[in-house]
Amino acid sequence: MSSEFIIGLAGQALYVVLKASAPMLVVALVVGLSVSIFQATTQIQEQTLAFVPKIIAVFLSLLIFGPWILNTLVDFTSQLLGNLSRYIG
């Protein structure tokens, strides 16, 4: 097995991880930015005000995008296991 093949497989795995985590990261970024702007305009400097909404938003995005994330991971795993003989030999 060549090193280019292994690097390509690792690249695919990294792409799947980024694709699966992107919805939660984007939601956390938007909520965090919104809360920061709210805190800056009202001059409220409470740490939990920034933390709790992000946790709730990430949890809700996990509930919404969970089936898609699971489907993406299952597709990659089935492709990986389906081509296992190609990877070993």
PDB file of N, CA and C in Angstrom:
ATOM      1  N   MET A   1       0.848  -1.168   0.000  1.00  0.00           N
ATOM      2  CA  MET A   1       0.000   0.000   0.000  1.00  0.00           C
ATOM      3  C   MET A   1       0.901   1.241   0.000  1.00  0.00           C
ATOM      4  N   SER A   2       0.630   2.149  -0.903  1.00  0.00           N
ATOM      5  CA  SER A   2       1.479   3.326  -1.036  1.00  0.00           C
ATOM      6  C   SER A   2       1.097   4.396  -0.016  1.00  0.00           C
ATOM      7  N   SER A   3       2.047   5.271   0.210  1.00  0.00           N
ATOM      8  CA  SER A   3       1.800   6.336   1.188  1.00  0.00           C
ATOM      9  C   SER A   3       0.765   7.338   0.675  1.00  0.00           C
ATOM     10  N   GLU A   4       0.665   7.515  -0.654  1.00  0.00           N
ATOM     11  CA  GLU A   4      -0.347   8.420  -1.209  1.00  0.00           C
ATOM     12  C   GLU A   4      -1.745   7.902  -0.926  1.00  0.00           C
ATOM     13  N   PHE A   5      -1.892   6.571  -0.974  1.00  0.00           N
ATOM     14  CA  PHE A   5      -3.191   5.963  -0.702  1.00  0.00           C
ATOM     15  C   PHE A   5      -3.594   6.182   0.752  1.00  0.00           C
ATOM     16  N   ILE A   6      -2.653   6.021   1.662  1.00  0.00           N
ATOM     17  CA  ILE A   6      -2.930   6.213   3.092  1.00  0.00           C
ATOM     18  C   ILE A   6      -3.239   7.679   3.386  1.00  0.00           C
ATOM     19  N   ILE A   7      -2.486   8.566   2.762  1.00  0.00           N
ATOM     20  CA  ILE A   7      -2.737   9.997   2.961  1.00  0.00           C
ATOM     21  C   ILE A   7      -4.105  10.384   2.396  1.00  0.00           C
ATOM     22  N   GLY A   8      -4.482   9.808   1.273  1.00  0.00           N
ATOM     23  CA  GLY A   8      -5.803  10.065   0.703  1.00  0.00           C
ATOM     24  C   GLY A   8      -6.920   9.574   1.603  1.00  0.00           C
ATOM     25  N   LEU A   9      -6.724   8.395   2.188  1.00  0.00           N
ATOM     26  CA  LEU A   9      -7.724   7.855   3.107  1.00  0.00           C
ATOM     27  C   LEU A   9      -7.830   8.718   4.366  1.00  0.00           C
ATOM     28  N   ALA A  10      -6.699   9.166   4.881  1.00  0.00           N
ATOM     29  CA  ALA A  10      -6.718  10.055   6.050  1.00  0.00           C
ATOM     30  C   ALA A  10      -7.371  11.390   5.695  1.00  0.00           C
ATOM     31  N   GLY A  11      -7.153  11.873   4.491  1.00  0.00           N
ATOM     32  CA  GLY A  11      -7.805  13.111   4.044  1.00  0.00           C
ATOM     33  C   GLY A  11      -9.311  12.968   3.962  1.00  0.00           C
ATOM     34  N   GLN A  12      -9.768  11.809   3.461  1.00  0.00           N
ATOM     35  CA  GLN A  12     -11.209  11.558   3.418  1.00  0.00           C
ATOM     36  C   GLN A  12     -11.802  11.514   4.822  1.00  0.00           C
ATOM     37  N   ALA A  13     -11.107  10.867   5.737  1.00  0.00           N
ATOM     38  CA  ALA A  13     -11.595  10.778   7.122  1.00  0.00           C
ATOM     39  C   ALA A  13     -11.661  12.166   7.755  1.00  0.00           C
ATOM     40  N   LEU A  14     -10.651  12.979   7.514  1.00  0.00           N
ATOM     41  CA  LEU A  14     -10.652  14.338   8.055  1.00  0.00           C
ATOM     42  C   LEU A  14     -11.781  15.166   7.466  1.00  0.00           C
ATOM     43  N   TYR A  15     -12.043  14.998   6.173  1.00  0.00           N
ATOM     44  CA  TYR A  15     -13.140  15.714   5.524  1.00  0.00           C
ATOM     45  C   TYR A  15     -14.485  15.315   6.119  1.00  0.00           C
ATOM     46  N   VAL A  16     -14.669  14.035   6.386  1.00  0.00           N
ATOM     47  CA  VAL A  16     -15.929  13.560   6.970  1.00  0.00           C
ATOM     48  C   VAL A  16     -16.110  14.133   8.377  1.00  0.00           C
ATOM     49  N   VAL A  17     -15.034  14.172   9.155  1.00  0.00           N
ATOM     50  CA  VAL A  17     -15.128  14.730  10.509  1.00  0.00           C
ATOM     51  C   VAL A  17     -15.480  16.215  10.457  1.00  0.00           C
ATOM     52  N   LEU A  18     -14.847  16.949   9.556  1.00  0.00           N
ATOM     53  CA  LEU A  18     -15.158  18.381   9.430  1.00  0.00           C
ATOM     54  C   LEU A  18     -16.588  18.596   8.954  1.00  0.00           C
ATOM     55  N   LYS A  19     -17.027  17.776   8.007  1.00  0.00           N
ATOM     56  CA  LYS A  19     -18.392  17.896   7.498  1.00  0.00           C
ATOM     57  C   LYS A  19     -19.413  17.556   8.580  1.00  0.00           C
ATOM     58  N   ALA A  20     -19.100  16.585   9.421  1.00  0.00           N
ATOM     59  CA  ALA A  20     -20.035  16.185  10.473  1.00  0.00           C
ATOM     60  C   ALA A  20     -20.095  17.205  11.605  1.00  0.00           C
ATOM     61  N   SER A  21     -18.997  17.880  11.878  1.00  0.00           N
ATOM     62  CA  SER A  21     -18.981  18.829  12.996  1.00  0.00           C
ATOM     63  C   SER A  21     -19.327  20.258  12.569  1.00  0.00           C
ATOM     64  N   ALA A  22     -19.376  20.523  11.284  1.00  0.00           N
ATOM     65  CA  ALA A  22     -19.611  21.889  10.801  1.00  0.00           C
ATOM     66  C   ALA A  22     -20.927  22.501  11.266  1.00  0.00           C
ATOM     67  N   PRO A  23     -22.056  21.790  11.236  1.00  0.00           N
ATOM     68  CA  PRO A  23     -23.303  22.456  11.664  1.00  0.00           C
ATOM     69  C   PRO A  23     -23.253  22.962  13.099  1.00  0.00           C
ATOM     70  N   MET A  24     -22.706  22.168  14.009  1.00  0.00           N
ATOM     71  CA  MET A  24     -22.652  22.597  15.404  1.00  0.00           C
ATOM     72  C   MET A  24     -21.666  23.752  15.599  1.00  0.00           C
ATOM     73  N   LEU A  25     -20.561  23.712  14.875  1.00  0.00           N
ATOM     74  CA  LEU A  25     -19.581  24.785  14.994  1.00  0.00           C
ATOM     75  C   LEU A  25     -20.124  26.108  14.462  1.00  0.00           C
ATOM     76  N   VAL A  26     -20.846  26.047  13.343  1.00  0.00           N
ATOM     77  CA  VAL A  26     -21.413  27.271  12.771  1.00  0.00           C
ATOM     78  C   VAL A  26     -22.480  27.848  13.691  1.00  0.00           C
ATOM     79  N   VAL A  27     -23.321  26.992  14.241  1.00  0.00           N
ATOM     80  CA  VAL A  27     -24.368  27.464  15.162  1.00  0.00           C
ATOM     81  C   VAL A  27     -23.732  28.085  16.402  1.00  0.00           C
ATOM     82  N   ALA A  28     -22.710  27.448  16.957  1.00  0.00           N
ATOM     83  CA  ALA A  28     -22.032  27.997  18.134  1.00  0.00           C
ATOM     84  C   ALA A  28     -21.371  29.329  17.809  1.00  0.00           C
ATOM     85  N   LEU A  29     -20.820  29.457  16.611  1.00  0.00           N
ATOM     86  CA  LEU A  29     -20.197  30.716  16.207  1.00  0.00           C
ATOM     87  C   LEU A  29     -21.220  31.835  16.102  1.00  0.00           C
ATOM     88  N   VAL A  30     -22.349  31.559  15.470  1.00  0.00           N
ATOM     89  CA  VAL A  30     -23.386  32.583  15.295  1.00  0.00           C
ATOM     90  C   VAL A  30     -23.981  32.992  16.638  1.00  0.00           C
ATOM     91  N   VAL A  31     -24.283  32.018  17.481  1.00  0.00           N
ATOM     92  CA  VAL A  31     -24.865  32.336  18.794  1.00  0.00           C
ATOM     93  C   VAL A  31     -23.852  33.084  19.652  1.00  0.00           C
ATOM     94  N   GLY A  32     -22.608  32.655  19.639  1.00  0.00           N
ATOM     95  CA  GLY A  32     -21.576  33.345  20.419  1.00  0.00           C
ATOM     96  C   GLY A  32     -21.373  34.780  19.970  1.00  0.00           C
ATOM     97  N   LEU A  33     -21.378  34.988  18.652  1.00  0.00           N
ATOM     98  CA  LEU A  33     -21.239  36.346  18.135  1.00  0.00           C
ATOM     99  C   LEU A  33     -22.435  37.209  18.508  1.00  0.00           C
ATOM    100  N   SER A  34     -23.625  36.633  18.415  1.00  0.00           N
ATOM    101  CA  SER A  34     -24.836  37.388  18.775  1.00  0.00           C
ATOM    102  C   SER A  34     -24.831  37.771  20.251  1.00  0.00           C
ATOM    103  N   VAL A  35     -24.466  36.843  21.107  1.00  0.00           N
ATOM    104  CA  VAL A  35     -24.419  37.127  22.545  1.00  0.00           C
ATOM    105  C   VAL A  35     -23.338  38.144  22.847  1.00  0.00           C
ATOM    106  N   SER A  36     -22.210  38.054  22.173  1.00  0.00           N
ATOM    107  CA  SER A  36     -21.132  39.031  22.393  1.00  0.00           C
ATOM    108  C   SER A  36     -21.548  40.431  21.989  1.00  0.00           C
ATOM    109  N   ILE A  37     -22.252  40.538  20.871  1.00  0.00           N
ATOM    110  CA  ILE A  37     -22.745  41.855  20.446  1.00  0.00           C
ATOM    111  C   ILE A  37     -23.770  42.381  21.446  1.00  0.00           C
ATOM    112  N   PHE A  38     -24.649  41.504  21.933  1.00  0.00           N
ATOM    113  CA  PHE A  38     -25.622  41.904  22.941  1.00  0.00           C
ATOM    114  C   PHE A  38     -24.924  42.367  24.220  1.00  0.00           C
ATOM    115  N   GLN A  39     -23.902  41.644  24.638  1.00  0.00           N
ATOM    116  CA  GLN A  39     -23.172  42.020  25.853  1.00  0.00           C
ATOM    117  C   GLN A  39     -22.437  43.342  25.668  1.00  0.00           C
ATOM    118  N   ALA A  40     -21.896  43.563  24.491  1.00  0.00           N
ATOM    119  CA  ALA A  40     -21.167  44.812  24.249  1.00  0.00           C
ATOM    120  C   ALA A  40     -22.111  46.012  24.222  1.00  0.00           C
ATOM    121  N   THR A  41     -23.292  45.821  23.668  1.00  0.00           N
ATOM    122  CA  THR A  41     -24.220  46.965  23.595  1.00  0.00           C
ATOM    123  C   THR A  41     -24.866  47.260  24.936  1.00  0.00           C
ATOM    124  N   THR A  42     -25.111  46.239  25.753  1.00  0.00           N
ATOM    125  CA  THR A  42     -25.754  46.470  27.043  1.00  0.00           C
ATOM    126  C   THR A  42     -24.754  46.583  28.183  1.00  0.00           C
ATOM    127  N   GLN A  43     -23.492  46.354  27.913  1.00  0.00           N
ATOM    128  CA  GLN A  43     -22.403  46.397  28.892  1.00  0.00           C
ATOM    129  C   GLN A  43     -22.629  45.424  30.052  1.00  0.00           C
ATOM    130  N   ILE A  44     -23.231  44.287  29.739  1.00  0.00           N
ATOM    131  CA  ILE A  44     -23.373  43.212  30.719  1.00  0.00           C
ATOM    132  C   ILE A  44     -22.200  42.264  30.507  1.00  0.00           C
ATOM    133  N   GLN A  45     -21.398  42.059  31.516  1.00  0.00           N
ATOM    134  CA  GLN A  45     -20.216  41.207  31.395  1.00  0.00           C
ATOM    135  C   GLN A  45     -20.368  39.970  32.272  1.00  0.00           C
ATOM    136  N   GLU A  46     -21.350  39.183  31.969  1.00  0.00           N
ATOM    137  CA  GLU A  46     -21.589  37.954  32.709  1.00  0.00           C
ATOM    138  C   GLU A  46     -21.112  36.775  31.867  1.00  0.00           C
ATOM    139  N   GLN A  47     -20.251  35.928  32.432  1.00  0.00           N
ATOM    140  CA  GLN A  47     -19.674  34.818  31.684  1.00  0.00           C
ATOM    141  C   GLN A  47     -20.707  33.750  31.337  1.00  0.00           C
ATOM    142  N   THR A  48     -21.622  33.489  32.248  1.00  0.00           N
ATOM    143  CA  THR A  48     -22.615  32.451  31.972  1.00  0.00           C
ATOM    144  C   THR A  48     -23.598  32.874  30.894  1.00  0.00           C
ATOM    145  N   LEU A  49     -23.740  34.158  30.666  1.00  0.00           N
ATOM    146  CA  LEU A  49     -24.620  34.637  29.610  1.00  0.00           C
ATOM    147  C   LEU A  49     -24.097  34.223  28.240  1.00  0.00           C
ATOM    148  N   ALA A  50     -22.805  34.103  28.100  1.00  0.00           N
ATOM    149  CA  ALA A  50     -22.236  33.661  26.829  1.00  0.00           C
ATOM    150  C   ALA A  50     -22.187  32.138  26.733  1.00  0.00           C
ATOM    151  N   PHE A  51     -22.127  31.459  27.841  1.00  0.00           N
ATOM    152  CA  PHE A  51     -21.914  30.015  27.850  1.00  0.00           C
ATOM    153  C   PHE A  51     -23.208  29.221  27.674  1.00  0.00           C
ATOM    154  N   VAL A  52     -24.233  29.575  28.411  1.00  0.00           N
ATOM    155  CA  VAL A  52     -25.478  28.798  28.413  1.00  0.00           C
ATOM    156  C   VAL A  52     -26.189  28.829  27.053  1.00  0.00           C
ATOM    157  N   PRO A  53     -26.345  29.966  26.400  1.00  0.00           N
ATOM    158  CA  PRO A  53     -27.019  29.941  25.092  1.00  0.00           C
ATOM    159  C   PRO A  53     -26.274  29.104  24.050  1.00  0.00           C
ATOM    160  N   LYS A  54     -24.933  29.120  24.108  1.00  0.00           N
ATOM    161  CA  LYS A  54     -24.175  28.303  23.157  1.00  0.00           C
ATOM    162  C   LYS A  54     -24.403  26.819  23.392  1.00  0.00           C
ATOM    163  N   ILE A  55     -24.446  26.407  24.646  1.00  0.00           N
ATOM    164  CA  ILE A  55     -24.685  24.995  24.946  1.00  0.00           C
ATOM    165  C   ILE A  55     -26.074  24.580  24.462  1.00  0.00           C
ATOM    166  N   ILE A  56     -27.058  25.406  24.714  1.00  0.00           N
ATOM    167  CA  ILE A  56     -28.422  25.091  24.282  1.00  0.00           C
ATOM    168  C   ILE A  56     -28.510  25.046  22.758  1.00  0.00           C
ATOM    169  N   ALA A  57     -27.870  25.997  22.090  1.00  0.00           N
ATOM    170  CA  ALA A  57     -27.910  26.043  20.623  1.00  0.00           C
ATOM    171  C   ALA A  57     -27.195  24.847  20.003  1.00  0.00           C
ATOM    172  N   VAL A  58     -26.066  24.453  20.569  1.00  0.00           N
ATOM    173  CA  VAL A  58     -25.350  23.286  20.047  1.00  0.00           C
ATOM    174  C   VAL A  58     -26.162  22.021  20.275  1.00  0.00           C
ATOM    175  N   PHE A  59     -26.804  21.905  21.418  1.00  0.00           N
ATOM    176  CA  PHE A  59     -27.650  20.747  21.682  1.00  0.00           C
ATOM    177  C   PHE A  59     -28.815  20.677  20.698  1.00  0.00           C
ATOM    178  N   LEU A  60     -29.458  21.818  20.449  1.00  0.00           N
ATOM    179  CA  LEU A  60     -30.571  21.838  19.495  1.00  0.00           C
ATOM    180  C   LEU A  60     -30.100  21.533  18.074  1.00  0.00           C
ATOM    181  N   SER A  61     -28.926  22.052  17.703  1.00  0.00           N
ATOM    182  CA  SER A  61     -28.414  21.744  16.367  1.00  0.00           C
ATOM    183  C   SER A  61     -28.032  20.275  16.252  1.00  0.00           C
ATOM    184  N   LEU A  62     -27.576  19.683  17.343  1.00  0.00           N
ATOM    185  CA  LEU A  62     -27.289  18.246  17.324  1.00  0.00           C
ATOM    186  C   LEU A  62     -28.574  17.444  17.151  1.00  0.00           C
ATOM    187  N   LEU A  63     -29.660  17.890  17.776  1.00  0.00           N
ATOM    188  CA  LEU A  63     -30.944  17.223  17.582  1.00  0.00           C
ATOM    189  C   LEU A  63     -31.462  17.374  16.150  1.00  0.00           C
ATOM    190  N   ILE A  64     -31.269  18.543  15.581  1.00  0.00           N
ATOM    191  CA  ILE A  64     -31.766  18.800  14.229  1.00  0.00           C
ATOM    192  C   ILE A  64     -30.907  18.097  13.177  1.00  0.00           C
ATOM    193  N   PHE A  65     -29.585  18.234  13.288  1.00  0.00           N
ATOM    194  CA  PHE A  65     -28.680  17.682  12.274  1.00  0.00           C
ATOM    195  C   PHE A  65     -28.180  16.279  12.613  1.00  0.00           C
ATOM    196  N   GLY A  66     -28.631  15.717  13.732  1.00  0.00           N
ATOM    197  CA  GLY A  66     -28.164  14.400  14.155  1.00  0.00           C
ATOM    198  C   GLY A  66     -28.357  13.294  13.135  1.00  0.00           C
ATOM    199  N   PRO A  67     -29.550  13.169  12.536  1.00  0.00           N
ATOM    200  CA  PRO A  67     -29.721  12.114  11.529  1.00  0.00           C
ATOM    201  C   PRO A  67     -28.794  12.272  10.326  1.00  0.00           C
ATOM    202  N   TRP A  68     -28.590  13.503   9.881  1.00  0.00           N
ATOM    203  CA  TRP A  68     -27.684  13.738   8.753  1.00  0.00           C
ATOM    204  C   TRP A  68     -26.240  13.396   9.130  1.00  0.00           C
ATOM    205  N   ILE A  69     -25.824  13.769  10.336  1.00  0.00           N
ATOM    206  CA  ILE A  69     -24.471  13.464  10.792  1.00  0.00           C
ATOM    207  C   ILE A  69     -24.277  11.953  10.890  1.00  0.00           C
ATOM    208  N   LEU A  70     -25.260  11.282  11.462  1.00  0.00           N
ATOM    209  CA  LEU A  70     -25.179   9.830  11.588  1.00  0.00           C
ATOM    210  C   LEU A  70     -25.137   9.165  10.221  1.00  0.00           C
ATOM    211  N   ASN A  71     -25.943   9.641   9.295  1.00  0.00           N
ATOM    212  CA  ASN A  71     -25.940   9.096   7.948  1.00  0.00           C
ATOM    213  C   ASN A  71     -24.588   9.294   7.268  1.00  0.00           C
ATOM    214  N   THR A  72     -23.976  10.459   7.438  1.00  0.00           N
ATOM    215  CA  THR A  72     -22.664  10.735   6.866  1.00  0.00           C
ATOM    216  C   THR A  72     -21.606   9.796   7.432  1.00  0.00           C
ATOM    217  N   LEU A  73     -21.624   9.601   8.738  1.00  0.00           N
ATOM    218  CA  LEU A  73     -20.645   8.723   9.370  1.00  0.00           C
ATOM    219  C   LEU A  73     -20.864   7.261   8.994  1.00  0.00           C
ATOM    220  N   VAL A  74     -22.111   6.842   8.898  1.00  0.00           N
ATOM    221  CA  VAL A  74     -22.399   5.462   8.513  1.00  0.00           C
ATOM    222  C   VAL A  74     -21.999   5.207   7.062  1.00  0.00           C
ATOM    223  N   ASP A  75     -22.241   6.163   6.179  1.00  0.00           N
ATOM    224  CA  ASP A  75     -21.830   6.007   4.788  1.00  0.00           C
ATOM    225  C   ASP A  75     -20.315   5.867   4.668  1.00  0.00           C
ATOM    226  N   PHE A  76     -19.580   6.698   5.377  1.00  0.00           N
ATOM    227  CA  PHE A  76     -18.118   6.615   5.326  1.00  0.00           C
ATOM    228  C   PHE A  76     -17.631   5.286   5.900  1.00  0.00           C
ATOM    229  N   THR A  77     -18.221   4.852   7.005  1.00  0.00           N
ATOM    230  CA  THR A  77     -17.812   3.595   7.620  1.00  0.00           C
ATOM    231  C   THR A  77     -18.129   2.412   6.724  1.00  0.00           C
ATOM    232  N   SER A  78     -19.297   2.406   6.104  1.00  0.00           N
ATOM    233  CA  SER A  78     -19.642   1.295   5.210  1.00  0.00           C
ATOM    234  C   SER A  78     -18.744   1.279   3.980  1.00  0.00           C
ATOM    235  N   GLN A  79     -18.375   2.460   3.474  1.00  0.00           N
ATOM    236  CA  GLN A  79     -17.431   2.521   2.358  1.00  0.00           C
ATOM    237  C   GLN A  79     -16.065   2.005   2.788  1.00  0.00           C
ATOM    238  N   LEU A  80     -15.653   2.361   3.979  1.00  0.00           N
ATOM    239  CA  LEU A  80     -14.363   1.921   4.494  1.00  0.00           C
ATOM    240  C   LEU A  80     -14.336   0.411   4.696  1.00  0.00           C
ATOM    241  N   LEU A  81     -15.382  -0.130   5.301  1.00  0.00           N
ATOM    242  CA  LEU A  81     -15.435  -1.569   5.535  1.00  0.00           C
ATOM    243  C   LEU A  81     -15.700  -2.354   4.250  1.00  0.00           C
ATOM    244  N   GLY A  82     -16.395  -1.765   3.311  1.00  0.00           N
ATOM    245  CA  GLY A  82     -16.655  -2.416   2.028  1.00  0.00           C
ATOM    246  C   GLY A  82     -15.398  -2.572   1.193  1.00  0.00           C
ATOM    247  N   ASN A  83     -14.475  -1.668   1.331  1.00  0.00           N
ATOM    248  CA  ASN A  83     -13.211  -1.708   0.588  1.00  0.00           C
ATOM    249  C   ASN A  83     -12.057  -2.208   1.443  1.00  0.00           C
ATOM    250  N   LEU A  84     -12.368  -2.928   2.499  1.00  0.00           N
ATOM    251  CA  LEU A  84     -11.325  -3.373   3.425  1.00  0.00           C
ATOM    252  C   LEU A  84     -10.307  -4.287   2.761  1.00  0.00           C
ATOM    253  N   SER A  85     -10.754  -5.132   1.859  1.00  0.00           N
ATOM    254  CA  SER A  85      -9.811  -6.028   1.178  1.00  0.00           C
ATOM    255  C   SER A  85      -8.838  -5.231   0.309  1.00  0.00           C
ATOM    256  N   ARG A  86      -9.289  -4.131  -0.228  1.00  0.00           N
ATOM    257  CA  ARG A  86      -8.415  -3.267  -1.041  1.00  0.00           C
ATOM    258  C   ARG A  86      -7.368  -2.577  -0.154  1.00  0.00           C
ATOM    259  N   TYR A  87      -7.745  -2.256   1.062  1.00  0.00           N
ATOM    260  CA  TYR A  87      -6.824  -1.568   1.957  1.00  0.00           C
ATOM    261  C   TYR A  87      -5.777  -2.514   2.514  1.00  0.00           C
ATOM    262  N   ILE A  88      -6.150  -3.756   2.749  1.00  0.00           N
ATOM    263  CA  ILE A  88      -5.221  -4.713   3.356  1.00  0.00           C
ATOM    264  C   ILE A  88      -4.241  -5.260   2.315  1.00  0.00           C
ATOM    265  N   GLY A  89      -4.759  -5.607   1.166  1.00  0.00           N
ATOM    266  CA  GLY A  89      -3.941  -6.282   0.152  1.00  0.00           C
ATOM    267  C   GLY A  89      -3.019  -5.455  -0.599  1.00  0.00           C
TER     268      GLY A  89
END
